[in-house]
Amino acid sequence: MHIRHGDYQQHRGGEFFFTVEQYLQVMQKVTQLFPQHKVGFLVCSDSQHNLEQFASLNVFFGTNHLLEDLYALAACDSLIGPMSTYSTWASFHGKVPLYRIYHPDENLSLEQFKIYVPGMDYKYPQGLTLETKG
C-alpha cells in the first residue's frame, strides 16, 4: 500500500489525496478478495502514520526511506496506491500488479490490478510479454 499524503493535499486540487480512512476502506475490500488467506499489508508513505489506525488489519510499515520502500513494494504480491509514478515504478520494476485508487468507494476486483509501464496509462502493450512472479 502506497499512501501519498505530503504533496497530494494540494497537487491537482487534492484529486488523488485520500484520507487514512479511505485507504483503510480499500484495504478492507482487498482482504475480501482473498477470504481464504490472511492478507498482510506493507504500508509505505511519505508521511508518518500511527499503527493503531490500522489495528483491524495485518499491517507492517516500510522504513520511510525512498529507495528501500520502493524496492520493498516491488517485492510485494500486489500493490495499491493513488495515481503516482512512485507506485507505478514499483509495479514496473517488480512486475507486480497495481490497483490504482481513483475512487475509494468503487467496487474492487482482481481484474483492476495491472502491471503498469511508467509514462503509460495502461498495462503492458499487446505483444510485449514479461515473466511474472510465479
Protein backbone atom coordinates (compact mmCIF):
# COMPACT_ATOMS: atom_id res chain seq x y z
CA MET A 1 0.00 0.00 0.00
CA HIS A 2 1.44 3.32 -1.07
CA ILE A 3 -0.07 6.19 0.90
CA ARG A 4 0.91 9.52 -0.58
CA HIS A 5 -0.02 12.41 1.65
CA GLY A 6 2.74 15.02 1.50
CA ASP A 7 2.23 16.98 -1.70
CA TYR A 8 -1.04 15.32 -2.72
CA GLN A 9 -3.11 17.56 -0.46
CA GLN A 10 -2.50 20.40 -2.93
CA HIS A 11 -1.47 18.58 -6.13
CA ARG A 12 -4.24 18.90 -8.75
CA GLY A 13 -6.54 20.33 -6.12
CA GLY A 14 -6.23 17.23 -3.93
CA GLU A 15 -7.72 15.00 -6.65
CA PHE A 16 -5.65 11.97 -5.60
CA PHE A 17 -5.38 12.75 -1.90
CA PHE A 18 -7.20 10.16 0.17
CA THR A 19 -7.64 10.02 3.93
CA VAL A 20 -6.32 7.15 6.00
CA GLU A 21 -9.93 6.05 6.44
CA GLN A 22 -10.34 5.86 2.66
CA TYR A 23 -7.15 3.80 2.34
CA LEU A 24 -8.46 1.52 5.10
CA GLN A 25 -11.70 1.11 3.18
CA VAL A 26 -9.76 -0.07 0.11
CA MET A 27 -7.60 -2.37 2.23
CA GLN A 28 -10.71 -3.99 3.71
CA LYS A 29 -12.01 -4.60 0.18
CA VAL A 30 -8.72 -6.26 -0.76
CA THR A 31 -8.95 -8.64 2.21
CA GLN A 32 -12.44 -9.60 1.00
CA LEU A 33 -10.94 -10.61 -2.37
CA PHE A 34 -8.93 -13.30 -0.55
CA PRO A 35 -11.28 -14.81 2.05
CA GLN A 36 -9.18 -17.98 2.41
CA HIS A 37 -5.95 -16.10 3.14
CA LYS A 38 -4.54 -13.94 5.89
CA VAL A 39 -3.70 -10.80 3.94
CA GLY A 40 -0.84 -8.61 5.12
CA PHE A 41 -0.12 -5.06 4.04
CA LEU A 42 3.19 -3.27 3.76
CA VAL A 43 2.36 0.43 4.14
CA CYS A 44 4.87 2.85 2.63
CA SER A 45 4.19 6.56 2.82
CA ASP A 46 5.70 10.00 2.59
CA SER A 47 4.17 10.83 5.97
CA GLN A 48 4.09 9.23 9.41
CA HIS A 49 1.12 7.10 10.44
CA ASN A 50 0.05 5.56 13.70
CA LEU A 51 -0.10 1.76 13.70
CA GLU A 52 -3.25 1.98 15.83
CA GLN A 53 -5.07 3.45 12.83
CA PHE A 54 -4.56 0.11 11.08
CA ALA A 55 -5.31 -2.13 14.08
CA SER A 56 -8.08 -4.02 12.26
CA LEU A 57 -5.61 -5.24 9.61
CA ASN A 58 -2.33 -7.13 9.42
CA VAL A 59 -0.07 -4.13 8.68
CA PHE A 60 3.66 -3.50 8.59
CA PHE A 61 5.31 -0.18 7.84
CA GLY A 62 8.16 0.44 5.44
CA THR A 63 11.36 2.14 6.57
CA ASN A 64 10.29 5.52 5.16
CA HIS A 65 13.44 5.50 3.02
CA LEU A 66 12.67 6.39 -0.59
CA LEU A 67 14.57 3.53 -2.26
CA GLU A 68 14.09 0.89 0.43
CA ASP A 69 10.34 1.40 0.31
CA LEU A 70 10.31 1.34 -3.50
CA TYR A 71 12.15 -1.98 -3.61
CA ALA A 72 10.04 -3.40 -0.79
CA LEU A 73 6.85 -2.51 -2.67
CA ALA A 74 8.30 -4.05 -5.84
CA ALA A 75 8.69 -7.33 -3.92
CA CYS A 76 5.02 -7.49 -2.86
CA ASP A 77 2.43 -9.79 -4.44
CA SER A 78 0.28 -6.82 -5.46
CA LEU A 79 0.19 -3.07 -4.92
CA ILE A 80 -2.41 -0.47 -4.05
CA GLY A 81 -1.91 3.25 -4.39
CA PRO A 82 -3.04 6.53 -5.87
CA MET A 83 -2.14 7.73 -9.35
CA SER A 84 1.58 8.16 -8.74
CA THR A 85 4.79 7.49 -10.61
CA TYR A 86 6.24 6.05 -7.38
CA SER A 87 3.82 3.13 -7.19
CA THR A 88 3.95 2.82 -10.99
CA TRP A 89 7.72 2.33 -10.84
CA ALA A 90 7.32 -0.26 -8.08
CA SER A 91 4.78 -2.11 -10.25
CA PHE A 92 7.03 -1.97 -13.30
CA HIS A 93 10.27 -2.85 -11.50
CA GLY A 94 8.81 -5.81 -9.63
CA LYS A 95 6.34 -6.85 -12.34
CA VAL A 96 3.69 -6.52 -9.65
CA PRO A 97 0.01 -5.84 -10.40
CA LEU A 98 -1.10 -2.43 -9.13
CA TYR A 99 -4.58 -1.26 -8.23
CA ARG A 100 -4.71 2.49 -8.75
CA ILE A 101 -7.15 4.20 -6.44
CA TYR A 102 -9.27 6.70 -8.30
CA HIS A 103 -12.42 6.45 -6.19
CA PRO A 104 -12.08 4.61 -2.86
CA ASP A 105 -15.82 3.88 -2.81
CA GLU A 106 -15.81 1.89 -6.06
CA ASN A 107 -16.17 -1.88 -6.12
CA LEU A 108 -12.90 -3.76 -6.34
CA SER A 109 -11.98 -6.81 -8.42
CA LEU A 110 -8.75 -8.62 -9.24
CA GLU A 111 -9.12 -7.54 -12.88
CA GLN A 112 -8.40 -3.96 -11.79
CA PHE A 113 -4.85 -4.88 -10.74
CA LYS A 114 -2.48 -4.27 -13.66
CA ILE A 115 1.26 -4.06 -14.24
CA TYR A 116 1.88 -0.52 -15.39
CA VAL A 117 4.63 0.92 -17.56
CA PRO A 118 5.95 4.29 -16.33
CA GLY A 119 4.79 7.06 -18.64
CA MET A 120 1.92 4.98 -20.00
CA ASP A 121 -1.53 4.80 -18.50
CA TYR A 122 -2.21 1.17 -19.29
CA LYS A 123 -0.92 -2.34 -18.86
CA TYR A 124 1.95 -3.66 -20.98
CA PRO A 125 1.19 -3.14 -24.68
CA GLN A 126 -0.20 -6.03 -26.70
CA GLY A 127 2.56 -8.36 -27.80
CA LEU A 128 5.04 -7.31 -25.10
CA THR A 129 5.45 -10.16 -22.67
CA LEU A 130 7.25 -10.22 -19.39
CA GLU A 131 7.71 -13.08 -16.99
CA THR A 132 5.56 -12.64 -13.92
CA LYS A 133 6.18 -13.87 -10.43
CA GLY A 134 5.13 -17.47 -10.05
